[in-house]
N, C-alpha and C. Protein backbone atom coordinates (compact mmCIF):
# COMPACT_ATOMS: atom_id res chain seq x y z
N MET A 1 194.15 161.01 115.32
CA MET A 1 194.98 161.41 114.20
C MET A 1 196.33 160.70 114.33
N PRO A 2 196.74 159.93 113.33
CA PRO A 2 197.95 159.11 113.44
C PRO A 2 199.24 159.87 113.72
N ALA A 3 199.44 161.03 113.18
CA ALA A 3 200.71 161.75 113.38
C ALA A 3 200.59 162.85 114.41
N ASP A 4 199.49 162.91 115.13
CA ASP A 4 199.28 163.89 116.20
C ASP A 4 199.61 165.32 115.78
N GLY A 5 199.37 165.65 114.51
CA GLY A 5 199.61 167.00 114.02
C GLY A 5 201.07 167.35 113.81
N LYS A 6 201.97 166.39 113.99
CA LYS A 6 203.40 166.67 113.84
C LYS A 6 203.87 166.53 112.41
N LEU A 7 203.23 165.65 111.65
CA LEU A 7 203.54 165.51 110.24
C LEU A 7 202.37 166.08 109.46
N LYS A 8 202.70 166.75 108.36
CA LYS A 8 201.66 167.40 107.57
C LYS A 8 201.66 166.87 106.15
N ALA A 9 200.52 167.03 105.49
CA ALA A 9 200.43 166.66 104.08
C ALA A 9 201.51 167.41 103.32
N GLY A 10 202.23 166.71 102.48
CA GLY A 10 203.31 167.31 101.72
C GLY A 10 204.68 167.13 102.34
N ASP A 11 204.74 166.74 103.62
CA ASP A 11 206.04 166.43 104.24
C ASP A 11 206.65 165.23 103.53
N ARG A 12 207.95 165.28 103.34
CA ARG A 12 208.65 164.14 102.76
C ARG A 12 209.53 163.55 103.86
N ILE A 13 209.25 162.31 104.26
CA ILE A 13 210.06 161.65 105.29
C ILE A 13 211.33 161.17 104.61
N ILE A 14 212.47 161.66 105.10
CA ILE A 14 213.75 161.31 104.50
C ILE A 14 214.58 160.40 105.40
N GLY A 15 214.13 160.23 106.65
CA GLY A 15 214.84 159.35 107.57
C GLY A 15 214.02 159.08 108.81
N VAL A 16 214.33 157.96 109.44
CA VAL A 16 213.71 157.63 110.72
C VAL A 16 214.78 156.94 111.57
N GLU A 17 215.02 157.51 112.76
CA GLU A 17 216.02 156.95 113.67
C GLU A 17 217.36 156.74 112.96
N ASN A 18 217.79 157.73 112.19
CA ASN A 18 219.06 157.70 111.47
C ASN A 18 219.13 156.64 110.37
N HIS A 19 218.00 156.13 109.93
CA HIS A 19 217.92 155.22 108.79
C HIS A 19 217.37 156.02 107.61
N GLN A 20 218.08 156.01 106.51
CA GLN A 20 217.65 156.76 105.33
C GLN A 20 216.42 156.10 104.71
N ILE A 21 215.47 156.92 104.31
CA ILE A 21 214.24 156.46 103.67
C ILE A 21 214.26 156.89 102.21
N GLN A 22 214.23 155.92 101.31
CA GLN A 22 214.21 156.20 99.87
C GLN A 22 212.80 156.13 99.29
N GLU A 23 212.02 155.20 99.82
CA GLU A 23 210.65 155.01 99.31
C GLU A 23 209.75 154.58 100.46
N ALA A 24 208.46 154.62 100.24
CA ALA A 24 207.48 154.35 101.29
C ALA A 24 207.70 152.99 101.96
N ASN A 25 208.06 151.98 101.17
CA ASN A 25 208.26 150.65 101.75
C ASN A 25 209.41 150.61 102.75
N ASP A 26 210.43 151.46 102.57
CA ASP A 26 211.53 151.53 103.54
C ASP A 26 210.99 151.95 104.90
N LEU A 27 210.11 152.95 104.90
CA LEU A 27 209.52 153.44 106.15
C LEU A 27 208.61 152.38 106.76
N ILE A 28 207.76 151.79 105.96
CA ILE A 28 206.83 150.77 106.45
C ILE A 28 207.60 149.61 107.06
N ASP A 29 208.60 149.12 106.36
CA ASP A 29 209.39 147.99 106.85
C ASP A 29 210.06 148.31 108.18
N TYR A 30 210.61 149.50 108.32
CA TYR A 30 211.29 149.88 109.56
C TYR A 30 210.30 150.01 110.72
N VAL A 31 209.22 150.73 110.49
CA VAL A 31 208.25 150.97 111.57
C VAL A 31 207.60 149.67 112.04
N GLN A 32 207.40 148.72 111.13
CA GLN A 32 206.79 147.45 111.51
C GLN A 32 207.66 146.64 112.47
N THR A 33 208.95 146.97 112.59
CA THR A 33 209.82 146.26 113.52
C THR A 33 209.73 146.83 114.93
N LYS A 34 208.99 147.91 115.11
CA LYS A 34 208.90 148.59 116.40
C LYS A 34 207.58 148.26 117.09
N GLN A 35 207.53 148.53 118.38
CA GLN A 35 206.35 148.24 119.19
C GLN A 35 205.51 149.50 119.38
N ALA A 36 204.21 149.31 119.49
CA ALA A 36 203.31 150.43 119.82
C ALA A 36 203.79 151.03 121.14
N GLY A 37 203.77 152.35 121.21
CA GLY A 37 204.20 153.06 122.41
C GLY A 37 205.62 153.61 122.30
N GLN A 38 206.42 153.08 121.38
CA GLN A 38 207.77 153.60 121.18
C GLN A 38 207.70 154.96 120.49
N THR A 39 208.62 155.84 120.82
CA THR A 39 208.72 157.13 120.17
C THR A 39 209.88 157.08 119.18
N LEU A 40 209.61 157.50 117.95
CA LEU A 40 210.62 157.51 116.90
C LEU A 40 210.90 158.94 116.46
N LYS A 41 212.12 159.16 116.00
CA LYS A 41 212.54 160.46 115.47
C LYS A 41 212.47 160.40 113.95
N PHE A 42 211.68 161.27 113.37
CA PHE A 42 211.50 161.35 111.92
C PHE A 42 212.22 162.57 111.39
N ASP A 43 213.05 162.37 110.38
CA ASP A 43 213.69 163.48 109.67
C ASP A 43 212.82 163.75 108.45
N ILE A 44 212.37 164.98 108.32
CA ILE A 44 211.46 165.32 107.22
C ILE A 44 211.96 166.55 106.47
N LYS A 45 211.46 166.69 105.27
CA LYS A 45 211.70 167.89 104.47
C LYS A 45 210.34 168.55 104.28
N ARG A 46 210.23 169.79 104.75
CA ARG A 46 208.97 170.55 104.65
C ARG A 46 209.28 171.94 104.11
N ASP A 47 208.65 172.27 103.02
CA ASP A 47 208.85 173.60 102.41
C ASP A 47 210.32 173.91 102.21
N GLY A 48 211.11 172.90 101.78
CA GLY A 48 212.52 173.11 101.50
C GLY A 48 213.43 173.11 102.72
N LYS A 49 212.86 172.93 103.91
CA LYS A 49 213.65 172.92 105.14
C LYS A 49 213.70 171.52 105.72
N ASN A 50 214.84 171.14 106.31
CA ASN A 50 214.97 169.87 107.01
C ASN A 50 214.56 170.06 108.45
N LEU A 51 213.66 169.21 108.93
CA LEU A 51 213.16 169.27 110.29
C LEU A 51 213.22 167.88 110.91
N THR A 52 213.21 167.82 112.23
CA THR A 52 213.12 166.56 112.95
C THR A 52 211.89 166.62 113.85
N LYS A 53 211.07 165.59 113.76
CA LYS A 53 209.87 165.50 114.59
C LYS A 53 209.85 164.16 115.28
N LYS A 54 209.42 164.13 116.53
CA LYS A 54 209.27 162.87 117.26
C LYS A 54 207.80 162.53 117.32
N ASN A 55 207.52 161.24 117.18
CA ASN A 55 206.14 160.78 117.22
C ASN A 55 206.07 159.40 117.82
N LYS A 56 205.05 159.17 118.63
CA LYS A 56 204.85 157.87 119.28
C LYS A 56 204.06 156.96 118.35
N ILE A 57 204.52 155.72 118.24
CA ILE A 57 203.85 154.73 117.40
C ILE A 57 202.60 154.24 118.13
N ARG A 58 201.50 154.18 117.38
CA ARG A 58 200.27 153.62 117.91
C ARG A 58 199.83 152.45 117.04
N LYS A 59 199.15 151.52 117.64
CA LYS A 59 198.64 150.39 116.89
C LYS A 59 197.48 150.87 116.01
N VAL A 60 197.52 150.47 114.75
CA VAL A 60 196.49 150.87 113.79
C VAL A 60 195.44 149.77 113.72
N GLN A 61 194.19 150.17 113.86
CA GLN A 61 193.08 149.21 113.72
C GLN A 61 192.78 149.03 112.26
N ARG A 62 192.74 147.79 111.81
CA ARG A 62 192.42 147.51 110.39
C ARG A 62 191.06 146.91 110.27
């Protein structure tokens, strides 16, 4: 499971490592600059609450 149960359907990612996320491409562009194995801090909005979750990047098989 890519988000290891830390991110859920309906979560809105609003930031990663103190970088504001406006649209999906902002997140994709930022994460692509990182290496597999790095842990990133995601700022999310879930059910009207702001939360921070950490998740380790894994290489995705295509």
